C-alpha atoms as a PDB file:
ATOM      1  CA  MET A   1     -55.482  24.206  42.705  1.00  0.00           C
ATOM      2  CA  LYS A   2     -58.382  24.812  40.348  1.00  0.00           C
ATOM      3  CA  PHE A   3     -57.254  22.058  37.939  1.00  0.00           C
ATOM      4  CA  LEU A   4     -57.237  19.457  40.754  1.00  0.00           C
ATOM      5  CA  GLU A   5     -60.634  20.538  42.077  1.00  0.00           C
ATOM      6  CA  ASP A   6     -62.026  20.216  38.521  1.00  0.00           C
ATOM      7  CA  MET A   7     -60.503  16.706  38.205  1.00  0.00           C
ATOM      8  CA  LEU A   8     -61.991  15.640  41.544  1.00  0.00           C
ATOM      9  CA  GLU A   9     -65.441  17.026  40.664  1.00  0.00           C
ATOM     10  CA  LYS A  10     -65.386  15.277  37.290  1.00  0.00           C
ATOM     11  CA  GLN A  11     -64.379  11.943  38.863  1.00  0.00           C
ATOM     12  CA  TYR A  12     -66.391  12.008  42.095  1.00  0.00           C
ATOM     13  CA  GLY A  13     -69.072  14.710  41.791  1.00  0.00           C
ATOM     14  CA  ILE A  14     -69.268  17.968  43.759  1.00  0.00           C
ATOM     15  CA  GLU A  15     -70.315  16.494  47.124  1.00  0.00           C
ATOM     16  CA  ILE A  16     -67.507  13.918  47.411  1.00  0.00           C
ATOM     17  CA  ALA A  17     -64.954  16.382  45.948  1.00  0.00           C
ATOM     18  CA  GLN A  18     -65.865  18.791  48.766  1.00  0.00           C
ATOM     19  CA  LYS A  19     -65.327  16.035  51.350  1.00  0.00           C
ATOM     20  CA  ILE A  20     -61.870  15.320  49.857  1.00  0.00           C
ATOM     21  CA  ILE A  21     -60.939  19.019  50.055  1.00  0.00           C
ATOM     22  CA  GLU A  22     -62.010  19.067  53.729  1.00  0.00           C
ATOM     23  CA  GLY A  23     -59.589  16.139  54.189  1.00  0.00           C
ATOM     24  CA  TYR A  24     -56.804  18.185  52.543  1.00  0.00           C
ATOM     25  CA  LEU A  25     -57.421  20.958  55.091  1.00  0.00           C
ATOM     26  CA  ALA A  26     -57.605  18.680  58.171  1.00  0.00           C
ATOM     27  CA  LYS A  27     -54.653  18.301  60.535  1.00  0.00           C
ATOM     28  CA  ARG A  28     -53.753  14.612  60.524  1.00  0.00           C
ATOM     29  CA  LYS A  29     -53.347  12.735  63.802  1.00  0.00           C
ATOM     30  CA  THR A  30     -50.065  11.044  64.709  1.00  0.00           C
ATOM     31  CA  THR A  31     -50.092   7.298  64.081  1.00  0.00           C
ATOM     32  CA  LEU A  32     -47.542   4.525  64.497  1.00  0.00           C
ATOM     33  CA  ARG A  33     -47.041   0.845  63.849  1.00  0.00           C
ATOM     34  CA  ILE A  34     -45.774  -1.534  66.531  1.00  0.00           C
ATOM     35  CA  ASN A  35     -42.751  -3.437  65.214  1.00  0.00           C
ATOM     36  CA  THR A  36     -43.460  -7.029  66.250  1.00  0.00           C
ATOM     37  CA  ILE A  37     -39.907  -8.091  65.313  1.00  0.00           C
ATOM     38  CA  LYS A  38     -38.687  -6.168  68.381  1.00  0.00           C
ATOM     39  CA  SER A  39     -41.710  -5.689  70.624  1.00  0.00           C
ATOM     40  CA  ASN A  40     -45.423  -6.403  71.095  1.00  0.00           C
ATOM     41  CA  LYS A  41     -48.625  -4.466  71.704  1.00  0.00           C
ATOM     42  CA  GLU A  42     -48.750  -4.972  75.481  1.00  0.00           C
ATOM     43  CA  GLU A  43     -45.173  -3.724  75.979  1.00  0.00           C
ATOM     44  CA  ILE A  44     -45.740  -0.634  73.838  1.00  0.00           C
ATOM     45  CA  LYS A  45     -49.042   0.158  75.556  1.00  0.00           C
ATOM     46  CA  GLN A  46     -47.332  -0.067  78.974  1.00  0.00           C
ATOM     47  CA  LYS A  47     -44.574   2.304  77.827  1.00  0.00           C
ATOM     48  CA  LEU A  48     -47.114   4.790  76.413  1.00  0.00           C
ATOM     49  CA  ASP A  49     -49.154   4.565  79.634  1.00  0.00           C
ATOM     50  CA  ALA A  50     -46.017   5.261  81.692  1.00  0.00           C
ATOM     51  CA  LYS A  51     -45.550   8.543  79.770  1.00  0.00           C
ATOM     52  CA  LYS A  52     -49.278   9.362  80.113  1.00  0.00           C
ATOM     53  CA  ILE A  53     -49.721   9.214  76.364  1.00  0.00           C
ATOM     54  CA  GLU A  54     -53.318   8.638  75.312  1.00  0.00           C
ATOM     55  CA  TYR A  55     -53.975   6.381  72.341  1.00  0.00           C
ATOM     56  CA  GLU A  56     -56.583   4.283  70.578  1.00  0.00           C
ATOM     57  CA  GLU A  57     -56.446   1.160  68.444  1.00  0.00           C
ATOM     58  CA  VAL A  58     -57.966   0.376  65.046  1.00  0.00           C
ATOM     59  CA  LYS A  59     -60.166  -2.616  64.163  1.00  0.00           C
ATOM     60  CA  TRP A  60     -58.310  -3.702  61.032  1.00  0.00           C
ATOM     61  CA  SER A  61     -54.750  -3.880  62.422  1.00  0.00           C
ATOM     62  CA  LYS A  62     -53.337  -5.327  65.630  1.00  0.00           C
ATOM     63  CA  GLU A  63     -50.190  -3.215  65.212  1.00  0.00           C
ATOM     64  CA  ALA A  64     -51.630   0.249  64.449  1.00  0.00           C
ATOM     65  CA  ILE A  65     -51.921   2.892  67.172  1.00  0.00           C
ATOM     66  CA  ILE A  66     -53.429   6.405  66.994  1.00  0.00           C
ATOM     67  CA  ILE A  67     -51.821   8.903  69.386  1.00  0.00           C
ATOM     68  CA  LYS A  68     -54.376  11.316  70.824  1.00  0.00           C
ATOM     69  CA  ASN A  69     -52.498  13.861  72.932  1.00  0.00           C
ATOM     70  CA  GLU A  70     -48.941  14.116  71.531  1.00  0.00           C
ATOM     71  CA  ASP A  71     -47.348  14.963  68.202  1.00  0.00           C
ATOM     72  CA  GLU A  72     -44.779  12.990  66.200  1.00  0.00           C
ATOM     73  CA  LYS A  73     -41.803  14.923  67.654  1.00  0.00           C
ATOM     74  CA  ALA A  74     -42.727  13.892  71.208  1.00  0.00           C
ATOM     75  CA  ILE A  75     -42.965  10.212  70.220  1.00  0.00           C
ATOM     76  CA  GLN A  76     -39.609  10.421  68.389  1.00  0.00           C
ATOM     77  CA  LYS A  77     -37.938  11.372  71.685  1.00  0.00           C
ATOM     78  CA  MET A  78     -38.985   8.081  73.287  1.00  0.00           C
ATOM     79  CA  ASP A  79     -36.796   4.965  73.530  1.00  0.00           C
ATOM     80  CA  ILE A  80     -39.419   2.886  71.722  1.00  0.00           C
ATOM     81  CA  TYR A  81     -38.779   5.045  68.636  1.00  0.00           C
ATOM     82  CA  THR A  82     -34.997   5.199  68.971  1.00  0.00           C
ATOM     83  CA  ASN A  83     -34.759   1.418  69.453  1.00  0.00           C
ATOM     84  CA  GLY A  84     -36.979   0.616  66.461  1.00  0.00           C
ATOM     85  CA  GLU A  85     -39.777  -0.913  68.549  1.00  0.00           C
ATOM     86  CA  ILE A  86     -42.220   1.296  66.642  1.00  0.00           C
ATOM     87  CA  TYR A  87     -42.299   2.896  63.199  1.00  0.00           C
ATOM     88  CA  MET A  88     -44.002   6.242  62.547  1.00  0.00           C
ATOM     89  CA  GLN A  89     -46.373   5.347  59.713  1.00  0.00           C
ATOM     90  CA  SER A  90     -49.675   6.650  58.376  1.00  0.00           C
ATOM     91  CA  LEU A  91     -52.651   4.323  58.763  1.00  0.00           C
ATOM     92  CA  SER A  92     -53.370   4.264  55.028  1.00  0.00           C
ATOM     93  CA  SER A  93     -49.844   3.163  54.156  1.00  0.00           C
ATOM     94  CA  MET A  94     -50.218   0.150  56.471  1.00  0.00           C
ATOM     95  CA  LEU A  95     -53.012  -1.208  54.236  1.00  0.00           C
ATOM     96  CA  PRO A  96     -51.040  -2.521  51.197  1.00  0.00           C
ATOM     97  CA  PRO A  97     -48.847  -4.986  53.192  1.00  0.00           C
ATOM     98  CA  ILE A  98     -51.902  -6.250  55.114  1.00  0.00           C
ATOM     99  CA  ILE A  99     -53.844  -6.731  51.849  1.00  0.00           C
ATOM    100  CA  LEU A 100     -50.827  -8.507  50.283  1.00  0.00           C
ATOM    101  CA  GLU A 101     -51.070 -11.158  53.067  1.00  0.00           C
ATOM    102  CA  PRO A 102     -47.348 -11.997  52.894  1.00  0.00           C
ATOM    103  CA  LYS A 103     -46.358 -15.558  53.787  1.00  0.00           C
ATOM    104  CA  GLU A 104     -43.343 -16.965  55.642  1.00  0.00           C
ATOM    105  CA  GLY A 105     -40.752 -18.693  53.462  1.00  0.00           C
ATOM    106  CA  THR A 106     -41.806 -16.948  50.231  1.00  0.00           C
ATOM    107  CA  ASP A 107     -39.859 -14.718  47.824  1.00  0.00           C
ATOM    108  CA  ILE A 108     -41.339 -11.221  48.030  1.00  0.00           C
ATOM    109  CA  LEU A 109     -40.442  -8.137  46.000  1.00  0.00           C
ATOM    110  CA  ASP A 110     -41.073  -4.591  47.225  1.00  0.00           C
ATOM    111  CA  MET A 111     -40.571  -2.684  43.971  1.00  0.00           C
ATOM    112  CA  ALA A 112     -40.288   0.926  45.202  1.00  0.00           C
ATOM    113  CA  ALA A 113     -39.279   0.370  48.790  1.00  0.00           C
ATOM    114  CA  ALA A 114     -37.794   3.543  50.341  1.00  0.00           C
ATOM    115  CA  PRO A 115     -38.084   4.767  53.040  1.00  0.00           C
ATOM    116  CA  GLY A 116     -38.964   1.236  54.166  1.00  0.00           C
ATOM    117  CA  GLY A 117     -42.208   1.456  56.153  1.00  0.00           C
ATOM    118  CA  LYS A 118     -44.004  -1.150  54.077  1.00  0.00           C
ATOM    119  CA  THR A 119     -40.853  -3.283  53.607  1.00  0.00           C
ATOM    120  CA  THR A 120     -40.317  -3.585  57.353  1.00  0.00           C
ATOM    121  CA  GLN A 121     -44.057  -4.155  57.876  1.00  0.00           C
ATOM    122  CA  ILE A 122     -43.925  -7.108  55.444  1.00  0.00           C
ATOM    123  CA  ALA A 123     -40.892  -8.435  57.359  1.00  0.00           C
ATOM    124  CA  ALA A 124     -42.843  -8.176  60.635  1.00  0.00           C
ATOM    125  CA  LEU A 125     -45.995  -9.776  59.155  1.00  0.00           C
ATOM    126  CA  THR A 126     -43.877 -12.775  58.070  1.00  0.00           C
ATOM    127  CA  ASN A 127     -42.074 -12.997  61.449  1.00  0.00           C
ATOM    128  CA  ASN A 128     -38.853 -12.039  59.628  1.00  0.00           C
ATOM    129  CA  LYS A 129     -39.043 -15.411  57.821  1.00  0.00           C
ATOM    130  CA  ALA A 130     -39.679 -14.398  54.197  1.00  0.00           C
ATOM    131  CA  HIS A 131     -37.042 -13.586  51.564  1.00  0.00           C
ATOM    132  CA  ILE A 132     -37.720  -9.929  50.783  1.00  0.00           C
ATOM    133  CA  THR A 133     -36.016  -8.003  47.983  1.00  0.00           C
ATOM    134  CA  ALA A 134     -36.411  -4.249  48.486  1.00  0.00           C
ATOM    135  CA  CYS A 135     -35.773  -2.273  45.319  1.00  0.00           C
ATOM    136  CA  GLU A 136     -34.856   1.432  45.308  1.00  0.00           C
ATOM    137  CA  LYS A 137     -33.208   3.341  42.457  1.00  0.00           C
ATOM    138  CA  ASN A 138     -32.146   6.516  44.294  1.00  0.00           C
ATOM    139  CA  LYS A 139     -28.861   6.238  46.252  1.00  0.00           C
ATOM    140  CA  ILE A 140     -29.843   8.683  49.028  1.00  0.00           C
ATOM    141  CA  ARG A 141     -33.258   7.060  49.462  1.00  0.00           C
ATOM    142  CA  GLU A 142     -31.575   3.642  49.420  1.00  0.00           C
ATOM    143  CA  GLU A 143     -29.396   4.726  52.370  1.00  0.00           C
ATOM    144  CA  ARG A 144     -32.523   5.785  54.272  1.00  0.00           C
ATOM    145  CA  LEU A 145     -34.099   2.419  53.425  1.00  0.00           C
ATOM    146  CA  LYS A 146     -31.047   0.546  54.750  1.00  0.00           C
ATOM    147  CA  TYR A 147     -31.072   2.640  57.944  1.00  0.00           C
ATOM    148  CA  ASN A 148     -34.747   1.814  58.630  1.00  0.00           C
ATOM    149  CA  ILE A 149     -34.351  -1.891  57.800  1.00  0.00           C
ATOM    150  CA  ASP A 150     -31.408  -2.151  60.230  1.00  0.00           C
ATOM    151  CA  LYS A 151     -33.191  -0.120  62.917  1.00  0.00           C
ATOM    152  CA  GLN A 152     -36.323  -2.281  62.652  1.00  0.00           C
ATOM    153  CA  GLY A 153     -34.289  -5.527  62.768  1.00  0.00           C
ATOM    154  CA  ALA A 154     -35.690  -6.718  59.423  1.00  0.00           C
ATOM    155  CA  SER A 155     -32.815  -9.114  58.711  1.00  0.00           C
ATOM    156  CA  CYS A 156     -34.755 -11.018  56.024  1.00  0.00           C
ATOM    157  CA  VAL A 157     -34.509  -8.044  53.624  1.00  0.00           C
ATOM    158  CA  PHE A 158     -32.001  -7.792  50.760  1.00  0.00           C
ATOM    159  CA  ILE A 159     -31.654  -4.335  49.138  1.00  0.00           C
ATOM    160  CA  MET A 160     -31.328  -3.983  45.378  1.00  0.00           C
ATOM    161  CA  GLN A 161     -30.296  -0.482  44.260  1.00  0.00           C
ATOM    162  CA  LYS A 162     -31.896  -0.391  40.835  1.00  0.00           C
ATOM    163  CA  ASP A 163     -34.717   1.199  38.867  1.00  0.00           C
ATOM    164  CA  ALA A 164     -37.418  -1.476  39.179  1.00  0.00           C
ATOM    165  CA  ARG A 165     -38.423  -0.943  35.533  1.00  0.00           C
ATOM    166  CA  PHE A 166     -35.150  -2.596  34.560  1.00  0.00           C
ATOM    167  CA  ILE A 167     -35.069  -5.625  36.885  1.00  0.00           C
ATOM    168  CA  ASP A 168     -33.959  -8.666  34.909  1.00  0.00           C
ATOM    169  CA  ASP A 169     -36.903 -10.843  33.805  1.00  0.00           C
ATOM    170  CA  PHE A 170     -34.810 -13.820  34.926  1.00  0.00           C
ATOM    171  CA  PHE A 171     -36.098 -13.141  38.471  1.00  0.00           C
ATOM    172  CA  SER A 172     -39.495 -14.388  39.655  1.00  0.00           C
ATOM    173  CA  PHE A 173     -41.388 -13.799  42.892  1.00  0.00           C
ATOM    174  CA  ASP A 174     -44.220 -15.402  44.877  1.00  0.00           C
ATOM    175  CA  GLN A 175     -45.645 -12.046  45.972  1.00  0.00           C
ATOM    176  CA  ILE A 176     -45.010  -8.451  44.892  1.00  0.00           C
ATOM    177  CA  LEU A 177     -45.853  -5.090  46.418  1.00  0.00           C
ATOM    178  CA  LEU A 178     -45.770  -2.235  43.922  1.00  0.00           C
ATOM    179  CA  ASP A 179     -46.396   0.922  45.933  1.00  0.00           C
ATOM    180  CA  ALA A 180     -45.883   3.019  42.832  1.00  0.00           C
ATOM    181  CA  PRO A 181     -44.366   6.505  42.712  1.00  0.00           C
ATOM    182  CA  CYS A 182     -47.296   8.888  42.239  1.00  0.00           C
ATOM    183  CA  SER A 183     -48.467  12.510  42.318  1.00  0.00           C
ATOM    184  CA  GLY A 184     -49.329  12.221  46.032  1.00  0.00           C
ATOM    185  CA  SER A 185     -52.836  13.585  45.347  1.00  0.00           C
ATOM    186  CA  GLY A 186     -54.101  11.685  48.390  1.00  0.00           C
ATOM    187  CA  THR A 187     -51.678  13.304  50.831  1.00  0.00           C
ATOM    188  CA  LEU A 188     -51.918  16.998  49.909  1.00  0.00           C
ATOM    189  CA  ASP A 189     -52.028  19.686  52.589  1.00  0.00           C
ATOM    190  CA  PHE A 190     -54.121  22.613  51.365  1.00  0.00           C
ATOM    191  CA  ASN A 191     -52.745  24.718  54.239  1.00  0.00           C
ATOM    192  CA  ASP A 192     -49.326  24.624  52.537  1.00  0.00           C
ATOM    193  CA  ASN A 193     -48.739  27.773  50.470  1.00  0.00           C
ATOM    194  CA  ASN A 194     -45.986  26.055  48.462  1.00  0.00           C
ATOM    195  CA  ILE A 195     -48.221  23.264  47.148  1.00  0.00           C
ATOM    196  CA  GLU A 196     -48.072  24.507  43.545  1.00  0.00           C
ATOM    197  CA  LYS A 197     -44.277  24.178  43.556  1.00  0.00           C
ATOM    198  CA  TYR A 198     -44.427  20.387  43.845  1.00  0.00           C
ATOM    199  CA  PHE A 199     -47.905  19.372  42.632  1.00  0.00           C
ATOM    200  CA  SER A 200     -48.865  19.834  38.979  1.00  0.00           C
ATOM    201  CA  LYS A 201     -50.747  18.309  36.053  1.00  0.00           C
ATOM    202  CA  GLN A 202     -47.346  17.413  34.552  1.00  0.00           C
ATOM    203  CA  LEU A 203     -46.475  15.402  37.679  1.00  0.00           C
ATOM    204  CA  ILE A 204     -49.740  13.446  37.359  1.00  0.00           C
ATOM    205  CA  ASP A 205     -49.065  12.682  33.675  1.00  0.00           C
ATOM    206  CA  ARG A 206     -45.448  11.702  34.358  1.00  0.00           C
ATOM    207  CA  SER A 207     -46.503   9.471  37.264  1.00  0.00           C
ATOM    208  CA  SER A 208     -49.158   7.578  35.300  1.00  0.00           C
ATOM    209  CA  SER A 209     -46.673   6.826  32.529  1.00  0.00           C
ATOM    210  CA  VAL A 210     -44.138   5.345  34.997  1.00  0.00           C
ATOM    211  CA  GLN A 211     -46.898   3.449  36.850  1.00  0.00           C
ATOM    212  CA  LYS A 212     -48.015   1.704  33.662  1.00  0.00           C
ATOM    213  CA  THR A 213     -44.447   0.533  32.949  1.00  0.00           C
ATOM    214  CA  LEU A 214     -43.850  -0.567  36.542  1.00  0.00           C
ATOM    215  CA  LEU A 215     -47.082  -2.573  36.770  1.00  0.00           C
ATOM    216  CA  SER A 216     -46.310  -4.329  33.483  1.00  0.00           C
ATOM    217  CA  LYS A 217     -42.831  -5.225  34.830  1.00  0.00           C
ATOM    218  CA  ALA A 218     -44.341  -6.444  38.137  1.00  0.00           C
ATOM    219  CA  ILE A 219     -46.674  -8.803  36.275  1.00  0.00           C
ATOM    220  CA  LYS A 220     -43.713 -10.205  34.292  1.00  0.00           C
ATOM    221  CA  LEU A 221     -41.831 -10.887  37.556  1.00  0.00           C
ATOM    222  CA  LEU A 222     -44.818 -12.466  39.357  1.00  0.00           C
ATOM    223  CA  LYS A 223     -45.132 -16.266  39.219  1.00  0.00           C
ATOM    224  CA  PRO A 224     -48.308 -17.542  37.486  1.00  0.00           C
ATOM    225  CA  GLY A 225     -51.120 -18.293  39.945  1.00  0.00           C
ATOM    226  CA  HIS A 226     -49.662 -15.832  42.453  1.00  0.00           C
ATOM    227  CA  GLU A 227     -50.860 -12.444  43.717  1.00  0.00           C
ATOM    228  CA  MET A 228     -49.499  -8.911  43.976  1.00  0.00           C
ATOM    229  CA  VAL A 229     -50.680  -5.553  45.300  1.00  0.00           C
ATOM    230  CA  TYR A 230     -50.646  -2.278  43.352  1.00  0.00           C
ATOM    231  CA  SER A 231     -51.017   0.841  45.494  1.00  0.00           C
ATOM    232  CA  THR A 232     -50.537   4.615  45.335  1.00  0.00           C
ATOM    233  CA  CYS A 233     -51.086   7.563  47.668  1.00  0.00           C
ATOM    234  CA  SER A 234     -53.189   9.122  44.904  1.00  0.00           C
ATOM    235  CA  ILE A 235     -56.986   9.273  44.616  1.00  0.00           C
ATOM    236  CA  LEU A 236     -57.072  10.062  40.877  1.00  0.00           C
ATOM    237  CA  SER A 237     -58.337   7.295  38.602  1.00  0.00           C
ATOM    238  CA  CYS A 238     -55.715   8.134  35.935  1.00  0.00           C
ATOM    239  CA  GLU A 239     -53.074   6.838  38.389  1.00  0.00           C
ATOM    240  CA  ASN A 240     -55.177   4.035  39.816  1.00  0.00           C
ATOM    241  CA  GLU A 241     -58.082   2.256  38.113  1.00  0.00           C
ATOM    242  CA  ASP A 242     -56.932   3.329  34.626  1.00  0.00           C
ATOM    243  CA  ILE A 243     -53.483   1.800  35.225  1.00  0.00           C
ATOM    244  CA  VAL A 244     -54.980  -1.438  36.566  1.00  0.00           C
ATOM    245  CA  ALA A 245     -57.581  -1.597  33.752  1.00  0.00           C
ATOM    246  CA  HIS A 246     -54.777  -1.212  31.186  1.00  0.00           C
ATOM    247  CA  SER A 247     -53.050  -4.295  32.658  1.00  0.00           C
ATOM    248  CA  ILE A 248     -56.271  -6.329  32.820  1.00  0.00           C
ATOM    249  CA  LYS A 249     -56.832  -5.569  29.133  1.00  0.00           C
ATOM    250  CA  ASN A 250     -53.257  -6.281  28.000  1.00  0.00           C
ATOM    251  CA  GLU A 251     -51.946  -8.922  30.431  1.00  0.00           C
ATOM    252  CA  ASN A 252     -53.167 -12.290  31.690  1.00  0.00           C
ATOM    253  CA  VAL A 253     -54.328 -11.010  35.091  1.00  0.00           C
ATOM    254  CA  GLU A 254     -57.508 -10.598  37.136  1.00  0.00           C
ATOM    255  CA  ILE A 255     -58.637  -8.584  40.147  1.00  0.00           C
ATOM    256  CA  VAL A 256     -58.797 -10.299  43.536  1.00  0.00           C
ATOM    257  CA  PRO A 257     -61.560  -8.472  45.468  1.00  0.00           C
ATOM    258  CA  ILE A 258     -60.201  -6.924  48.664  1.00  0.00           C
ATOM    259  CA  HIS A 259     -61.853  -7.891  51.914  1.00  0.00           C
ATOM    260  CA  PHE A 260     -60.487  -7.986  55.456  1.00  0.00           C
ATOM    261  CA  GLU A 261     -61.801  -7.722  58.996  1.00  0.00           C
ATOM    262  CA  GLY A 262     -62.469  -4.150  60.123  1.00  0.00           C
ATOM    263  CA  MET A 263     -62.543  -2.777  56.571  1.00  0.00           C
ATOM    264  CA  GLU A 264     -65.911  -1.123  57.258  1.00  0.00           C
ATOM    265  CA  GLU A 265     -64.058   1.328  59.534  1.00  0.00           C
ATOM    266  CA  LEU A 266     -62.303   2.921  56.532  1.00  0.00           C
ATOM    267  CA  PRO A 267     -63.632   6.154  54.931  1.00  0.00           C
ATOM    268  CA  LEU A 268     -63.889   4.746  51.390  1.00  0.00           C
ATOM    269  CA  LEU A 269     -64.327   6.556  48.083  1.00  0.00           C
ATOM    270  CA  PRO A 270     -66.156   4.931  45.138  1.00  0.00           C
ATOM    271  CA  THR A 271     -63.877   3.167  42.618  1.00  0.00           C
ATOM    272  CA  LYS A 272     -64.378   2.282  38.953  1.00  0.00           C
ATOM    273  CA  ILE A 273     -63.201  -1.321  39.435  1.00  0.00           C
ATOM    274  CA  HIS A 274     -65.155  -3.588  41.776  1.00  0.00           C
ATOM    275  CA  GLY A 275     -62.959  -5.112  44.496  1.00  0.00           C
ATOM    276  CA  THR A 276     -60.396  -2.298  44.586  1.00  0.00           C
ATOM    277  CA  LEU A 277     -60.196   0.145  47.477  1.00  0.00           C
ATOM    278  CA  CYS A 278     -59.685   3.912  47.659  1.00  0.00           C
ATOM    279  CA  VAL A 279     -59.427   5.699  51.019  1.00  0.00           C
ATOM    280  CA  CYS A 280     -60.648   9.286  51.352  1.00  0.00           C
ATOM    281  CA  PRO A 281     -58.274  11.792  52.989  1.00  0.00           C
ATOM    282  CA  THR A 282     -59.502  12.737  56.502  1.00  0.00           C
ATOM    283  CA  ASP A 283     -57.954  13.868  59.803  1.00  0.00           C
ATOM    284  CA  LEU A 284     -57.011  10.206  60.355  1.00  0.00           C
ATOM    285  CA  TYR A 285     -56.289   8.799  56.887  1.00  0.00           C
ATOM    286  CA  GLU A 286     -54.311   9.815  53.829  1.00  0.00           C
ATOM    287  CA  GLY A 287     -55.928   9.270  50.447  1.00  0.00           C
ATOM    288  CA  PHE A 288     -54.751   5.870  49.200  1.00  0.00           C
ATOM    289  CA  PHE A 289     -55.626   3.383  46.454  1.00  0.00           C
ATOM    290  CA  VAL A 290     -55.066  -0.392  46.648  1.00  0.00           C
ATOM    291  CA  ALA A 291     -55.735  -3.173  44.115  1.00  0.00           C
ATOM    292  CA  LYS A 292     -54.938  -6.872  44.488  1.00  0.00           C
ATOM    293  CA  ILE A 293     -54.063  -8.644  41.248  1.00  0.00           C
ATOM    294  CA  ARG A 294     -53.644 -12.335  40.408  1.00  0.00           C
ATOM    295  CA  LYS A 295     -51.580 -13.558  37.470  1.00  0.00           C
ATOM    296  CA  LYS A 296     -53.416 -16.360  35.678  1.00  0.00           C
END
């Protein structure tokens, strides 16, 4: 992965690039999100205690749990998983819905929704009382999305099977989450010998082209004066800050600086745009970028 290491060194410098590579080599801990549509923290903690499962909480989310002494497979055998009382989700991917601050009674678009972790999190954050449109172009992924929405009891979600780039401009939304398809440069596992089969410079270039189009479409669909979140599981500026900067230059939008309680707990990387956030891959977090944007 010489080309990636060169890109990271150029963007972040040798010291930070080395820290990122250590994150790529680390074994990530199992994490989950409590689904407040079906359960609550106290109930889930009691059920974990009953199975002698050790866990810890995080400052920035009431719903996030880190499992200390079991792997994902063990948790998936429990009733709380089967019944949809929890959702297996990485900590980093819980950030975009929290930063979006979704409101009850609003029209919300999740532009690239499958498999549905963030969609169902938005439903839970709005007490299942928003009108959420979850967009997914791929039929198989759309079926997985539907399965997770049903399992999580997110009855406020309507699924649109469509390429989000071609959503009719007739639609307009109060809030939008664009968790854009990306190279996945924040989630790489350097212990995987097959990494070069699915990660390439071509994938990065292809992703940034689609991201630009999707963000432009999102801004068209967002009501003036309203806010959206752009996120990726990439840590490369060509998929993140460069995409956002392109929109700031060409569209009538501005950055809303991100700030929330417990944010200081995150292992953050430097970003080129003040107020955006990029998480460094570690044994606890995937690499992730988030920007909040307001349409003027």
